Amino acid sequence: MDETVAEYIRRTVLKIPRDEIKTMLQKWGFLSEAQLQTLNFRQIKDNISQEVVQLCEENSADIKQAAVLDIIYNHIYHNKRMWSVYQMKKSGEELEYFDITDFKKKFKGRLRSALKNVTITFKEYEDNAIWIRVAWGTPYKKPNQYKPSYVVYHSQTPYVFISSSVLKSNLPLLCQALIVASNYHDIREMELRSHSLNSLKDIVFKRYSQNFQTYSPKPLQGGNSEPESADIRIVQENRSEKERIHRLNEEVFGGGPQPKLEFAQYKLETMFKSDPKMGVLDKKEPFRCLVKFSSPHLLESLKSLAPAGMADAPLSPLLTCIPHKARNYFKIREKKGLFPESFVSP
């Protein structure tokens, strides 16, 4: 076994919590059950990793087997990476039978036609998710196994989730390989990013309910006609206002937890309003701006604005509709023909 492969396996094992090493090695399936029985999982992790490497040497492990173990680790600990959502588009609306063998063949062929030094590994999961790991090299250097790109593609859907390496110059190659392999024509980033891969899936697959409606503020109900002290009236008004805010928040965001979204952006275009007498604008042109949002938990942060007294209830649809705006962003770009040429299939 190559020394670089042995070192990569050792480092991968060291990343795994000690209580989960045996379970993860069993999911890997490269070592037999008899070999796993010889491992002492109660010793320090460094010794465990050395013993795993020795067993892998007996089985003549190569970088592809090591890459599968790495995919299994990243599948379980996907929240350690930052994920971006991409949406693909077909030239027509026809549905095609998805052939995983053909997909792999086209993906590998497209990437390797542009870059010879590249390691490509696939692993399929039960939810129709195909995990792809790509370790990039250069024409003169072997692939760097420590800075790979990870792709999660759900067959029969136009959505791709990418956690890319620091080599952003390889992103166009990756996108080209995806649209060729999946028989799509265009691909575009949806401007949604998060460490929570499952939350991004919930948003684009519409697995959670978020009402995109506007509400007219309802006047507070007055007290009874009997004379009351000012303090009692203030307490009642505060209680009524809190109940109103809670009700509107429930109607807009729902009662359950929000998907963990960390970044979103969309373009805003509106008309600039001013007094004609002031002559601020000679021409009636729309006001355009790029709206960006970022937070450790964006949707929950927006949900907490009104209860915290930092915004009026109900919130503006510009805030509550962020996932909806991002889904429609791709359609708007498509109509205007604003796709990057490097991401368009020939």
Foldseek 3Di string as FASTA:
>chain_A
DDPVLLVLQLVLQVVDDLVCSLVLVVVLVLADPVLSVPADSPDDSNVRSVSVSVRCVVVVDDNQSSVSSVVSVCVVQLLVFKKFKKFFAAPDDDDDDADPVLLVVLLVVLLCVVPVQKDWYWDADDQQKIKIKIFDDHNVGHGDPVFIKIWIDRPPGRMIMIGHGPPCVCVLSNLQSNCRSNVTFFMDTLFWMHSDPVLVCCLVVVVDDFDLDADDDDDQDADDPDDDDPVVRVVVSVVSQLVSLVVLLCNGGNDDDHRFTFKFKDKDWAWDDDDVVVPPDPDGGIDIDIDMDGDRGQQVVQSCCCVVVNDPPPDDSVRSCRSVRSVCRVVVCVVVVNGDPSNGHD
